[in-house]
């Protein structure tokens, strides 16, 4: 399996799915799977820090055949992961790249693998704006041999400890997303008062819940590196869309209950975000 990847299936045609499809189409035979398929090829236009156009086929995820692809990336929202992967057995590697930790146990149970997307991207129709370069970090908790990909702006890298990477991303999302969404500020605002204190108090509640160590300076680095960004949760609230707050904070709240650790700030933020997005 080492480098015999020719055909890549991407499940989820949101911003991340379209970005990945448009870049990977330069080197691979890419099929995008969405809620609705199309007889005609899909043309994706990419602007921003990278530019290009790509022609990929779009199929309904209801018609997905595992054997049609050498590898799958799942880029749906977290609450759609189980439905999106129902037709997959894991014989062909499946990398779940959704936010949060809700899919961690599910991935392990199904023999799937994990991915973390660090690129900034937004979409309008079939146009994507690539707003920030990062990496796509992938890895396995079930002993899959490292895979390598053609060098591309996606910068796909193999991580030996992907679970650590997923937990770090959760910390960043659980801290940055709710504050920016409620206070309607770009990420960079969190470096200063009063936002920094709120960030610190969320961080303090997260630390005892995980065996993995994540330093506060790591969160500060992310805030600095994405200072100009408006978080996905902020954009969802502004545009009246449902947010991913349940995917990001609910599993944390449930984990704390199981561990009999009491939280105050995180459940409050969870309710405030639900309230803010309901009132849009």
Protein backbone atom coordinates (compact mmCIF):
# COMPACT_ATOMS: atom_id res chain seq x y z
CA UNK A 1 0.00 0.00 0.00
CA UNK A 2 2.99 2.25 0.64
CA UNK A 3 2.80 4.48 -2.43
CA UNK A 4 0.22 2.84 -4.62
CA UNK A 5 -2.30 5.63 -4.11
CA UNK A 6 -3.81 6.65 -7.44
CA UNK A 7 -7.49 7.18 -6.65
CA UNK A 8 -8.63 9.34 -3.72
CA UNK A 9 -12.20 9.68 -2.47
CA UNK A 10 -13.13 12.80 -0.51
CA UNK A 11 -16.34 12.52 1.48
CA UNK A 12 -17.89 15.92 2.16
CA UNK A 13 -18.03 18.78 -0.32
CA UNK A 14 -17.73 21.64 2.12
CA UNK A 15 -14.85 24.14 2.04
CA UNK A 16 -12.16 21.68 3.22
CA UNK A 17 -13.36 18.91 0.89
CA UNK A 18 -13.35 21.25 -2.12
CA UNK A 19 -9.90 22.61 -1.24
CA UNK A 20 -8.42 19.12 -0.90
CA UNK A 21 -10.11 17.89 -4.08
CA UNK A 22 -8.92 20.86 -6.13
CA UNK A 23 -5.28 20.47 -5.05
CA UNK A 24 -5.09 16.65 -5.10
CA UNK A 25 -6.67 16.53 -8.58
CA UNK A 26 -3.30 17.70 -9.98
CA UNK A 27 -1.70 14.35 -9.05
CA UNK A 28 -4.52 11.88 -8.38
CA UNK A 29 -7.82 10.68 -9.75
CA UNK A 30 -10.17 12.42 -7.28
CA UNK A 31 -13.84 11.73 -6.64
CA UNK A 32 -15.86 13.97 -4.35
CA UNK A 33 -18.78 12.41 -2.49
CA UNK A 34 -21.61 14.69 -1.37
CA UNK A 35 -25.26 14.43 -0.45
CA UNK A 36 -26.22 14.76 -4.11
CA UNK A 37 -24.19 13.43 -7.05
CA UNK A 38 -23.95 14.88 -10.56
CA UNK A 39 -23.64 13.41 -14.03
CA UNK A 40 -21.45 16.34 -15.05
CA UNK A 41 -17.92 16.92 -13.75
CA UNK A 42 -17.55 19.55 -11.06
CA UNK A 43 -15.25 22.50 -11.79
CA UNK A 44 -13.66 23.93 -8.66
CA UNK A 45 -12.02 27.36 -8.77
CA UNK A 46 -9.45 28.17 -6.09
CA UNK A 47 -8.25 31.67 -5.20
CA UNK A 48 -6.19 33.10 -2.34
CA UNK A 49 -2.77 31.88 -1.20
CA UNK A 50 -2.92 29.20 -3.92
CA UNK A 51 -4.81 29.45 -7.20
CA UNK A 52 -6.08 26.94 -9.71
CA UNK A 53 -9.02 25.17 -11.25
CA UNK A 54 -9.78 21.48 -11.09
CA UNK A 55 -12.24 19.11 -12.68
CA UNK A 56 -13.44 16.29 -10.42
CA UNK A 57 -16.39 13.93 -10.44
CA UNK A 58 -19.10 14.40 -7.83
CA UNK A 59 -21.04 11.34 -6.70
CA UNK A 60 -23.74 10.81 -4.12
CA UNK A 61 -22.31 9.30 -0.93
CA UNK A 62 -25.26 6.87 -1.06
CA UNK A 63 -23.64 5.20 -4.10
CA UNK A 64 -20.16 4.99 -2.60
CA UNK A 65 -18.26 1.77 -3.33
CA UNK A 66 -15.21 1.25 -1.14
CA UNK A 67 -13.30 -0.58 -3.88
CA UNK A 68 -13.54 2.42 -6.24
CA UNK A 69 -10.81 4.24 -4.26
CA UNK A 70 -7.36 3.59 -2.78
CA UNK A 71 -7.94 5.94 0.15
CA UNK A 72 -10.66 8.16 1.65
CA UNK A 73 -10.54 11.52 3.42
CA UNK A 74 -13.68 12.37 5.42
CA UNK A 75 -14.16 16.15 5.66
CA UNK A 76 -17.78 16.38 6.80
CA UNK A 77 -18.94 18.15 9.94
CA UNK A 78 -18.38 15.99 13.03
CA UNK A 79 -22.05 15.10 13.50
CA UNK A 80 -22.17 13.69 9.94
CA UNK A 81 -19.15 11.35 10.26
CA UNK A 82 -20.96 8.15 11.20
CA UNK A 83 -23.52 8.47 8.43
CA UNK A 84 -20.83 9.44 5.91
CA UNK A 85 -18.67 6.40 6.70
CA UNK A 86 -21.45 3.81 7.10
CA UNK A 87 -20.58 2.17 3.76
CA UNK A 88 -16.87 1.83 4.56
CA UNK A 89 -15.25 -1.19 6.23
CA UNK A 90 -11.73 0.19 6.76
CA UNK A 91 -10.14 -2.27 4.28
CA UNK A 92 -9.28 0.83 2.25
CA UNK A 93 -7.66 3.45 4.57
CA UNK A 94 -10.12 6.08 5.83
CA UNK A 95 -8.85 9.32 7.43
CA UNK A 96 -11.41 11.27 9.44
CA UNK A 97 -10.49 14.96 9.37
CA UNK A 98 -13.42 16.45 11.33
CA UNK A 99 -13.15 18.83 14.27
CA UNK A 100 -13.41 17.82 17.91
CA UNK A 101 -12.88 14.46 19.62
CA UNK A 102 -16.35 12.92 19.22
CA UNK A 103 -15.02 10.72 16.39
CA UNK A 104 -11.91 9.47 18.25
CA UNK A 105 -13.43 6.36 19.83
CA UNK A 106 -15.56 5.76 16.74
CA UNK A 107 -12.48 5.82 14.49
CA UNK A 108 -10.65 3.36 16.73
CA UNK A 109 -13.65 1.04 16.88
CA UNK A 110 -14.05 1.01 13.10
CA UNK A 111 -10.33 0.73 12.31
CA UNK A 112 -10.27 4.18 10.70
CA UNK A 113 -7.45 6.72 10.95
CA UNK A 114 -7.22 10.41 11.82
CA UNK A 115 -6.38 13.68 10.14
CA UNK A 116 -6.08 17.31 11.23
CA UNK A 117 -6.45 20.11 8.69
CA UNK A 118 -4.57 23.32 9.48
CA UNK A 119 -5.40 25.31 6.33
CA UNK A 120 -7.73 28.31 6.36
CA UNK A 121 -10.44 28.05 3.72
CA UNK A 122 -13.90 29.41 2.92
CA UNK A 123 -16.22 28.63 0.03
CA UNK A 124 -18.93 30.21 -2.07
CA UNK A 125 -20.66 27.72 -4.33
CA UNK A 126 -17.90 25.77 -6.07
CA UNK A 127 -15.34 28.49 -5.50
CA UNK A 128 -12.93 28.18 -2.59
CA UNK A 129 -10.75 30.88 -1.12
CA UNK A 130 -7.56 29.37 0.30
CA UNK A 131 -6.99 31.86 3.12
CA UNK A 132 -4.12 30.33 5.02
CA UNK A 133 -1.43 27.74 4.33
CA UNK A 134 -0.84 25.01 6.87
CA UNK A 135 -0.47 21.25 6.87
CA UNK A 136 -2.73 18.25 6.76
CA UNK A 137 -1.43 15.99 9.49
CA UNK A 138 -2.47 12.35 9.25
CA UNK A 139 -1.74 9.25 11.28
CA UNK A 140 -3.08 6.00 12.62
CA UNK A 141 -3.98 4.63 16.03
CA UNK A 142 -4.19 1.10 14.61
CA UNK A 143 -0.76 0.45 13.12
CA UNK A 144 -1.23 1.52 9.50
CA UNK A 145 2.15 1.95 7.77
CA UNK A 146 3.03 5.58 7.04
CA UNK A 147 1.67 6.83 3.72
CA UNK A 148 3.31 9.50 1.63
CA UNK A 149 1.79 11.82 -0.93
CA UNK A 150 3.01 13.93 -3.84
CA UNK A 151 4.40 17.25 -2.60
CA UNK A 152 1.62 19.86 -2.84
CA UNK A 153 0.41 23.06 -1.18
CA UNK A 154 -1.68 20.84 1.15
CA UNK A 155 1.59 19.68 2.74
CA UNK A 156 0.30 16.26 3.90
CA UNK A 157 2.55 14.93 6.65
CA UNK A 158 2.52 11.65 8.60
CA UNK A 159 2.38 11.94 12.40
CA UNK A 160 3.52 9.12 14.67
CA UNK A 161 1.30 10.39 17.52
CA UNK A 162 -1.79 11.65 15.73
CA UNK A 163 -3.91 11.50 18.89
CA UNK A 164 -1.73 14.20 20.49
CA UNK A 165 -2.28 16.35 17.39
CA UNK A 166 -6.08 15.83 17.58
CA UNK A 167 -6.12 16.84 21.28
CA UNK A 168 -4.02 19.97 20.54
CA UNK A 169 -6.45 20.96 17.79
CA UNK A 170 -9.35 20.39 20.20
CA UNK A 171 -7.75 22.72 22.78
CA UNK A 172 -7.29 25.41 20.11
CA UNK A 173 -10.84 25.01 18.79
CA UNK A 174 -12.47 24.85 22.25
CA UNK A 175 -10.70 28.04 23.28
CA UNK A 176 -10.61 30.18 20.12
CA UNK A 177 -13.97 29.33 18.51
CA UNK A 178 -16.40 30.11 21.37
CA UNK A 179 -14.71 33.36 22.44
CA UNK A 180 -14.44 34.75 18.90
CA UNK A 181 -18.03 33.71 18.09
CA UNK A 182 -19.56 35.28 21.21
CA UNK A 183 -17.45 38.42 21.24
CA UNK A 184 -17.41 38.73 17.42
CA UNK A 185 -13.69 39.34 17.22
CA UNK A 186 -10.91 37.95 14.99
CA UNK A 187 -8.57 35.35 16.52
CA UNK A 188 -5.82 37.88 17.20
CA UNK A 189 -7.98 39.71 19.77
CA UNK A 190 -7.50 36.76 22.14
CA UNK A 191 -3.91 37.84 22.76
CA UNK A 192 -5.17 40.79 24.82
CA UNK A 193 -7.53 41.55 27.70
CA UNK A 194 -10.29 40.57 28.51
CA UNK A 195 -10.25 37.68 26.03
CA UNK A 196 -6.95 36.25 27.19
CA UNK A 197 -8.33 35.68 30.68
CA UNK A 198 -11.36 33.83 29.27
CA UNK A 199 -8.99 31.74 27.14
CA UNK A 200 -6.92 30.90 30.20
CA UNK A 201 -9.97 29.81 32.20
CA UNK A 202 -11.17 27.47 29.39
CA UNK A 203 -7.63 26.08 29.16
CA UNK A 204 -7.53 25.46 32.93
CA UNK A 205 -10.74 23.40 32.69
CA UNK A 206 -9.46 21.34 29.74
CA UNK A 207 -6.08 20.35 31.21
CA UNK A 208 -7.25 17.81 33.84
CA UNK A 209 -9.44 15.98 31.29
CA UNK A 210 -6.63 14.69 29.07
CA UNK A 211 -3.54 12.58 29.63
CA UNK A 212 -1.90 14.47 26.74
CA UNK A 213 -0.05 17.66 27.70
CA UNK A 214 -0.89 20.81 25.75
CA UNK A 215 0.87 24.00 26.79
CA UNK A 216 -0.86 27.37 26.90
CA UNK A 217 2.01 28.78 24.84
CA UNK A 218 0.94 26.41 22.03
CA UNK A 219 -2.52 28.07 22.08
CA UNK A 220 -0.85 31.51 22.05
CA UNK A 221 1.19 30.50 18.98
CA UNK A 222 -2.01 29.48 17.14
CA UNK A 223 -3.69 32.77 18.09
CA UNK A 224 -0.69 34.70 16.80
CA UNK A 225 -0.39 32.63 13.60
CA UNK A 226 -4.10 32.99 12.77
CA UNK A 227 -4.50 36.55 14.11
CA UNK A 228 -6.31 37.84 11.02
CA UNK A 229 -8.69 34.87 10.78
CA UNK A 230 -12.35 34.96 11.69
CA UNK A 231 -13.04 31.53 13.18
CA UNK A 232 -15.46 29.12 11.54
CA UNK A 233 -17.78 29.37 14.56
CA UNK A 234 -17.84 33.16 14.33
CA UNK A 235 -18.68 32.96 10.61
CA UNK A 236 -21.42 30.40 11.33
CA UNK A 237 -22.99 32.66 13.98
CA UNK A 238 -22.75 35.72 11.68
CA UNK A 239 -24.35 33.85 8.78
CA UNK A 240 -27.06 32.20 10.88
CA UNK A 241 -25.79 28.64 10.31
CA UNK A 242 -25.66 25.93 12.98
CA UNK A 243 -22.25 25.91 14.67
CA UNK A 244 -20.01 22.96 15.52
CA UNK A 245 -20.24 23.80 19.23
CA UNK A 246 -21.86 20.44 20.02
CA UNK A 247 -19.06 18.59 18.23
CA UNK A 248 -16.34 20.57 19.99
CA UNK A 249 -17.63 21.16 23.54
CA UNK A 250 -20.24 18.44 24.18
CA UNK A 251 -17.76 15.53 24.21
CA UNK A 252 -15.58 17.56 26.62
CA UNK A 253 -18.55 18.11 28.95
CA UNK A 254 -19.45 14.40 28.76
CA UNK A 255 -15.84 13.38 29.43
CA UNK A 256 -15.75 15.60 32.54
CA UNK A 257 -18.99 13.98 33.81
CA UNK A 258 -17.51 10.49 33.38
CA UNK A 259 -14.37 11.58 35.21
CA UNK A 260 -16.48 13.34 37.90
CA UNK A 261 -14.68 16.62 37.30
CA UNK A 262 -16.89 19.69 37.61
CA UNK A 263 -16.74 22.36 34.92
CA UNK A 264 -18.22 25.85 35.03
CA UNK A 265 -16.87 27.92 32.13
CA UNK A 266 -17.15 25.34 29.32
CA UNK A 267 -20.84 24.37 29.90
CA UNK A 268 -21.72 28.07 30.16
CA UNK A 269 -19.98 28.84 26.86
CA UNK A 270 -21.74 25.86 25.28
CA UNK A 271 -25.16 27.23 26.28
CA UNK A 272 -24.28 30.80 25.24
CA UNK A 273 -23.21 29.66 21.76
CA UNK A 274 -26.40 27.61 21.36
CA UNK A 275 -28.33 30.73 22.41
CA UNK A 276 -26.38 33.02 20.09
CA UNK A 277 -26.85 30.78 17.06
CA UNK A 278 -30.56 30.25 17.82
CA UNK A 279 -31.18 34.00 17.96
CA UNK A 280 -29.56 34.74 14.59
